[in-house]
Protein backbone atom coordinates (compact mmCIF):
# COMPACT_ATOMS: atom_id res chain seq x y z
CA UNK A 1 11.90 -6.59 -6.56
CA UNK A 2 8.81 -5.59 -8.49
CA UNK A 3 5.96 -3.99 -6.56
CA UNK A 4 2.34 -5.00 -7.24
CA UNK A 5 -0.13 -2.27 -6.28
CA UNK A 6 -3.79 -3.23 -5.96
CA UNK A 7 -5.56 -0.13 -7.25
CA UNK A 8 -8.91 -1.54 -8.29
CA UNK A 9 -11.13 -0.93 -5.26
CA UNK A 10 -13.89 1.66 -5.14
CA UNK A 11 -13.34 2.81 -1.57
CA UNK A 12 -17.05 3.11 -0.78
CA UNK A 13 -16.43 4.77 2.60
CA UNK A 14 -14.58 7.61 0.87
CA UNK A 15 -17.74 8.94 -0.72
CA UNK A 16 -16.36 12.47 -0.88
CA UNK A 17 -14.00 11.21 -3.58
CA UNK A 18 -15.17 7.79 -4.81
CA UNK A 19 -17.63 9.18 -7.35
CA UNK A 20 -14.86 10.89 -9.30
CA UNK A 21 -11.59 9.12 -8.44
CA UNK A 22 -10.50 5.62 -7.36
CA UNK A 23 -9.38 5.33 -3.74
CA UNK A 24 -5.60 5.24 -4.50
CA UNK A 25 -5.98 8.62 -6.22
CA UNK A 26 -7.35 10.41 -3.15
CA UNK A 27 -4.83 13.24 -2.59
CA UNK A 28 -2.61 13.97 0.37
CA UNK A 29 -1.15 17.38 -0.33
CA UNK A 30 -0.40 17.73 -4.03
CA UNK A 31 -0.04 13.98 -4.70
CA UNK A 32 -2.36 10.93 -4.47
CA UNK A 33 -1.91 8.03 -2.06
CA UNK A 34 -0.48 5.76 -4.77
CA UNK A 35 2.28 8.29 -5.47
CA UNK A 36 3.25 8.40 -1.78
CA UNK A 37 3.52 4.60 -1.83
CA UNK A 38 5.64 4.62 -4.98
CA UNK A 39 7.98 7.19 -3.44
CA UNK A 40 8.25 4.97 -0.36
CA UNK A 41 9.21 1.88 -2.37
CA UNK A 42 11.50 3.84 -4.71
CA UNK A 43 13.39 5.19 -1.71
CA UNK A 44 14.39 1.61 -0.92
CA UNK A 45 15.41 0.90 -4.52
CA UNK A 46 12.23 -0.76 -5.80
CA UNK A 47 11.20 1.27 -8.83
CA UNK A 48 9.36 -1.24 -11.04
CA UNK A 49 5.62 -1.20 -10.41
CA UNK A 50 2.67 -3.27 -11.63
CA UNK A 51 -0.62 -1.45 -11.05
CA UNK A 52 -3.73 -3.65 -10.92
CA UNK A 53 -6.47 -1.40 -12.28
CA UNK A 54 -10.20 -1.68 -11.72
CA UNK A 55 -12.66 1.06 -10.75
CA UNK A 56 -11.86 4.32 -12.58
CA UNK A 57 -8.60 2.86 -13.83
CA UNK A 58 -8.49 5.46 -16.58
CA UNK A 59 -8.02 8.17 -13.94
CA UNK A 60 -4.79 6.52 -12.76
CA UNK A 61 -3.58 6.07 -16.34
CA UNK A 62 -4.28 9.70 -17.22
CA UNK A 63 -2.53 10.94 -14.10
CA UNK A 64 0.73 9.23 -14.98
CA UNK A 65 0.48 9.87 -18.73
CA UNK A 66 0.21 13.58 -17.92
CA UNK A 67 2.55 13.49 -14.94
CA UNK A 68 3.53 16.96 -13.70
CA UNK A 69 7.02 16.58 -12.30
CA UNK A 70 7.16 20.19 -11.13
CA UNK A 71 4.33 19.72 -8.60
CA UNK A 72 6.59 18.11 -6.01
CA UNK A 73 10.08 19.17 -7.14
CA UNK A 74 12.15 22.35 -7.40
CA UNK A 75 12.91 23.65 -10.89
CA UNK A 76 14.38 26.59 -12.78
CA UNK A 77 12.17 28.48 -15.23
CA UNK A 78 13.89 30.31 -18.08
CA UNK A 79 13.39 31.47 -21.65
CA UNK A 80 10.34 33.50 -20.73
CA UNK A 81 8.62 30.45 -19.33
CA UNK A 82 9.42 28.22 -22.30
CA UNK A 83 12.16 26.17 -20.62
CA UNK A 84 11.96 24.19 -17.38
CA UNK A 85 15.04 22.64 -15.80
CA UNK A 86 14.19 20.21 -13.02
CA UNK A 87 16.46 20.34 -9.97
CA UNK A 88 15.02 17.06 -8.63
CA UNK A 89 12.86 14.34 -10.13
CA UNK A 90 10.42 11.75 -8.81
CA UNK A 91 9.53 9.26 -11.47
CA UNK A 92 12.42 9.38 -13.93
CA UNK A 93 13.61 5.90 -12.92
CA UNK A 94 10.16 4.40 -12.41
CA UNK A 95 8.80 1.72 -14.71
CA UNK A 96 5.04 1.30 -14.37
CA UNK A 97 2.98 -1.47 -15.95
CA UNK A 98 -0.77 -0.76 -16.00
CA UNK A 99 -3.01 -3.85 -16.14
CA UNK A 100 -6.81 -3.82 -16.25
CA UNK A 101 -7.70 -6.59 -13.79
CA UNK A 102 -11.48 -6.04 -13.80
CA UNK A 103 -14.06 -4.09 -11.82
CA UNK A 104 -15.25 -6.80 -9.44
CA UNK A 105 -12.08 -8.91 -9.19
CA UNK A 106 -10.82 -9.68 -5.67
CA UNK A 107 -7.21 -9.22 -4.54
CA UNK A 108 -6.19 -12.85 -5.05
CA UNK A 109 -7.44 -12.93 -8.62
CA UNK A 110 -5.97 -9.52 -9.45
CA UNK A 111 -2.60 -10.91 -8.44
CA UNK A 112 -3.08 -14.00 -10.60
CA UNK A 113 -3.87 -11.78 -13.59
CA UNK A 114 -0.52 -9.98 -13.35
CA UNK A 115 1.56 -13.10 -12.69
CA UNK A 116 3.14 -13.08 -16.16
CA UNK A 117 4.34 -9.50 -15.68
CA UNK A 118 6.58 -10.65 -12.83
CA UNK A 119 8.83 -12.38 -15.34
CA UNK A 120 11.21 -14.85 -13.71
CA UNK A 121 11.29 -13.03 -10.36
CA UNK A 122 11.24 -15.46 -7.44
CA UNK A 123 9.73 -12.92 -5.03
CA UNK A 124 7.88 -9.62 -5.16
CA UNK A 125 6.30 -6.94 -3.02
CA UNK A 126 2.59 -6.10 -2.93
CA UNK A 127 0.41 -3.46 -1.33
CA UNK A 128 -3.30 -2.77 -0.85
CA UNK A 129 -2.64 0.87 -1.83
CA UNK A 130 -4.92 2.24 0.86
CA UNK A 131 -2.52 2.91 3.74
CA UNK A 132 0.87 4.43 4.49
CA UNK A 133 3.61 3.45 6.93
CA UNK A 134 7.11 4.32 8.05
CA UNK A 135 8.11 0.66 8.42
CA UNK A 136 11.75 0.08 7.31
CA UNK A 137 11.18 -2.01 4.21
CA UNK A 138 14.55 -3.85 4.33
CA UNK A 139 13.65 -5.09 7.84
CA UNK A 140 10.32 -6.44 6.57
CA UNK A 141 12.06 -8.24 3.68
CA UNK A 142 14.78 -9.63 5.97
CA UNK A 143 12.09 -10.94 8.32
CA UNK A 144 10.50 -12.84 5.43
CA UNK A 145 13.84 -14.36 4.45
CA UNK A 146 14.79 -15.31 8.01
CA UNK A 147 11.55 -17.27 8.41
CA UNK A 148 11.66 -18.83 4.92
CA UNK A 149 8.10 -17.58 4.44
CA UNK A 150 6.10 -17.78 1.24
CA UNK A 151 4.01 -14.83 2.40
CA UNK A 152 4.87 -12.14 4.94
CA UNK A 153 2.76 -9.13 5.85
CA UNK A 154 3.09 -6.08 8.04
CA UNK A 155 1.17 -6.29 11.34
CA UNK A 156 0.29 -3.09 13.18
CA UNK A 157 -1.93 -2.02 16.04
CA UNK A 158 -5.41 -0.79 14.96
CA UNK A 159 -5.24 2.92 14.18
CA UNK A 160 -8.80 3.46 15.42
CA UNK A 161 -9.78 3.13 19.07
CA UNK A 162 -12.78 0.97 19.88
CA UNK A 163 -14.09 -1.19 22.70
CA UNK A 164 -14.01 -4.98 22.66
CA UNK A 165 -17.04 -6.33 24.49
CA UNK A 166 -17.28 -9.75 26.14
CA UNK A 167 -20.74 -11.36 26.51
CA UNK A 168 -21.94 -14.49 28.28
CA UNK A 169 -24.70 -16.83 27.06
CA UNK A 170 -27.36 -14.64 28.70
CA UNK A 171 -26.08 -11.52 26.93
CA UNK A 172 -24.62 -10.06 30.13
CA UNK A 173 -21.47 -8.06 29.55
CA UNK A 174 -18.48 -9.83 31.09
CA UNK A 175 -15.89 -7.22 30.25
CA UNK A 176 -14.99 -4.19 28.17
CA UNK A 177 -11.45 -3.74 26.89
CA UNK A 178 -9.84 -0.91 24.95
CA UNK A 179 -8.61 -2.16 21.57
CA UNK A 180 -5.20 -0.63 22.30
CA UNK A 181 -4.90 -2.80 25.43
CA UNK A 182 -6.18 -6.01 23.88
CA UNK A 183 -2.97 -7.04 22.16
CA UNK A 184 -4.61 -6.90 18.74
CA UNK A 185 -2.62 -6.82 15.52
CA UNK A 186 -4.10 -6.13 12.09
CA UNK A 187 -2.98 -6.83 8.54
CA UNK A 188 -1.61 -3.50 7.29
CA UNK A 189 -1.48 -4.51 3.62
CA UNK A 190 2.30 -4.42 3.03
CA UNK A 191 3.37 -7.83 1.66
CA UNK A 192 6.54 -9.72 0.76
CA UNK A 193 5.57 -12.71 -1.39
CA UNK A 194 7.43 -15.58 -2.99
CA UNK A 195 6.35 -16.88 -6.36
CA UNK A 196 5.08 -20.09 -4.74
CA UNK A 197 2.10 -18.05 -3.50
CA UNK A 198 0.40 -18.76 -6.83
CA UNK A 199 0.41 -22.50 -6.04
CA UNK A 200 -1.86 -21.75 -3.08
CA UNK A 201 -4.46 -19.63 -4.90
CA UNK A 202 -7.40 -21.45 -6.46
CA UNK A 203 -9.85 -20.10 -9.08
CA UNK A 204 -11.88 -17.21 -7.70
CA UNK A 205 -10.22 -17.24 -4.27
CA UNK A 206 -9.47 -14.15 -2.23
CA UNK A 207 -5.87 -13.87 -1.01
CA UNK A 208 -6.30 -13.77 2.77
CA UNK A 209 -8.91 -16.50 3.16
CA UNK A 210 -8.30 -19.87 1.48
CA UNK A 211 -4.70 -19.25 0.26
CA UNK A 212 -3.48 -17.79 3.54
CA UNK A 213 -5.34 -20.54 5.39
CA UNK A 214 -3.30 -23.13 3.49
CA UNK A 215 -0.10 -21.23 4.26
CA UNK A 216 -1.01 -21.19 7.96
CA UNK A 217 -1.28 -24.99 7.89
CA UNK A 218 2.07 -25.22 6.09
CA UNK A 219 3.64 -22.71 8.54
CA UNK A 220 4.69 -20.54 5.62
CA UNK A 221 2.76 -17.39 6.58
CA UNK A 222 4.58 -14.85 8.77
CA UNK A 223 3.65 -11.51 10.30
CA UNK A 224 6.05 -8.67 11.04
CA UNK A 225 5.04 -6.68 14.12
CA UNK A 226 5.63 -2.94 13.84
CA UNK A 227 4.79 -0.40 16.54
CA UNK A 228 5.71 2.61 14.42
CA UNK A 229 3.52 4.71 12.18
CA UNK A 230 0.83 3.15 10.02
CA UNK A 231 -2.50 4.64 8.99
CA UNK A 232 -5.21 3.25 6.75
CA UNK A 233 -7.11 5.52 4.38
CA UNK A 234 -10.68 4.27 4.81
CA UNK A 235 -12.70 7.35 5.73
CA UNK A 236 -12.75 11.05 5.10
CA UNK A 237 -11.54 11.56 8.68
CA UNK A 238 -8.52 9.33 8.02
CA UNK A 239 -7.65 11.41 5.01
CA UNK A 240 -8.12 14.66 6.95
CA UNK A 241 -5.73 13.54 9.70
CA UNK A 242 -3.03 12.62 7.18
CA UNK A 243 -3.59 15.81 5.24
CA UNK A 244 -3.00 17.83 8.41
CA UNK A 245 0.14 15.85 9.24
CA UNK A 246 1.45 16.48 5.75
CA UNK A 247 0.67 20.21 5.96
CA UNK A 248 2.59 20.47 9.26
CA UNK A 249 5.60 18.73 7.76
CA UNK A 250 5.11 15.81 10.16
CA UNK A 251 4.50 12.93 7.74
CA UNK A 252 6.32 9.83 9.08
CA UNK A 253 5.61 7.84 5.91
CA UNK A 254 7.83 10.21 3.90
CA UNK A 255 10.98 8.21 4.55
CA UNK A 256 12.60 9.83 1.51
CA UNK A 257 12.56 13.21 3.26
CA UNK A 258 13.92 11.90 6.57
CA UNK A 259 17.02 10.42 4.92
CA UNK A 260 16.89 11.51 1.26
CA UNK A 261 20.59 10.91 0.61
CA UNK A 262 20.68 7.29 1.69
CA UNK A 263 18.15 5.05 -0.06
CA UNK A 264 18.69 1.36 0.69
């Protein structure tokens, strides 16, 4: 299946980076978020990507046009530095289509703009490109098929802890509950979509409001609950936590390192 990556957002809460790079290009270790996502999907055999560009799209284009394979792979240097023989490769089998989908375009309309690049595919994968997870992708896809869903998305517990406050009509607090104990699930931005999704998107509509509302009524929208690792990249603190995990060699989203010899 092709993978649609929404890479057009500014990421305003990532001000340490947003002035110079788009949010998907914020680095974790030596590689940006979007690369980590591509490695994740490629591990499961999905190596054809459609990148929906927007804010600072030229930065993403330049990165892949000048891709440095040696940054994340072992190699042999010979000939006085003139010859490089790669021992492993990342992107050799990747096919990436870059599409300028506009600066202010919402997710639903970005997807509509790349519809023709899906060819005759009856289903595809999509991702917000601002979070990473260790969810077994084949299980997510199987869940979508088992429920005959037009749209399926990953549901996870909120990664941030906060208090949910109950109030009565007189503004008196009736209860305070930890978010972790409230049974809340959030949309983690990993999607399995059938081509029929385009029949539910009207002009100018955002994906998760009107279109998903129609799918709810048709009972064609399904969530996949996952208690394992997921983390969104919304703030500098989020990035710092993931950077530290990566530096310690404890990065659960790197499924290709946990079982590198057995991609699905």
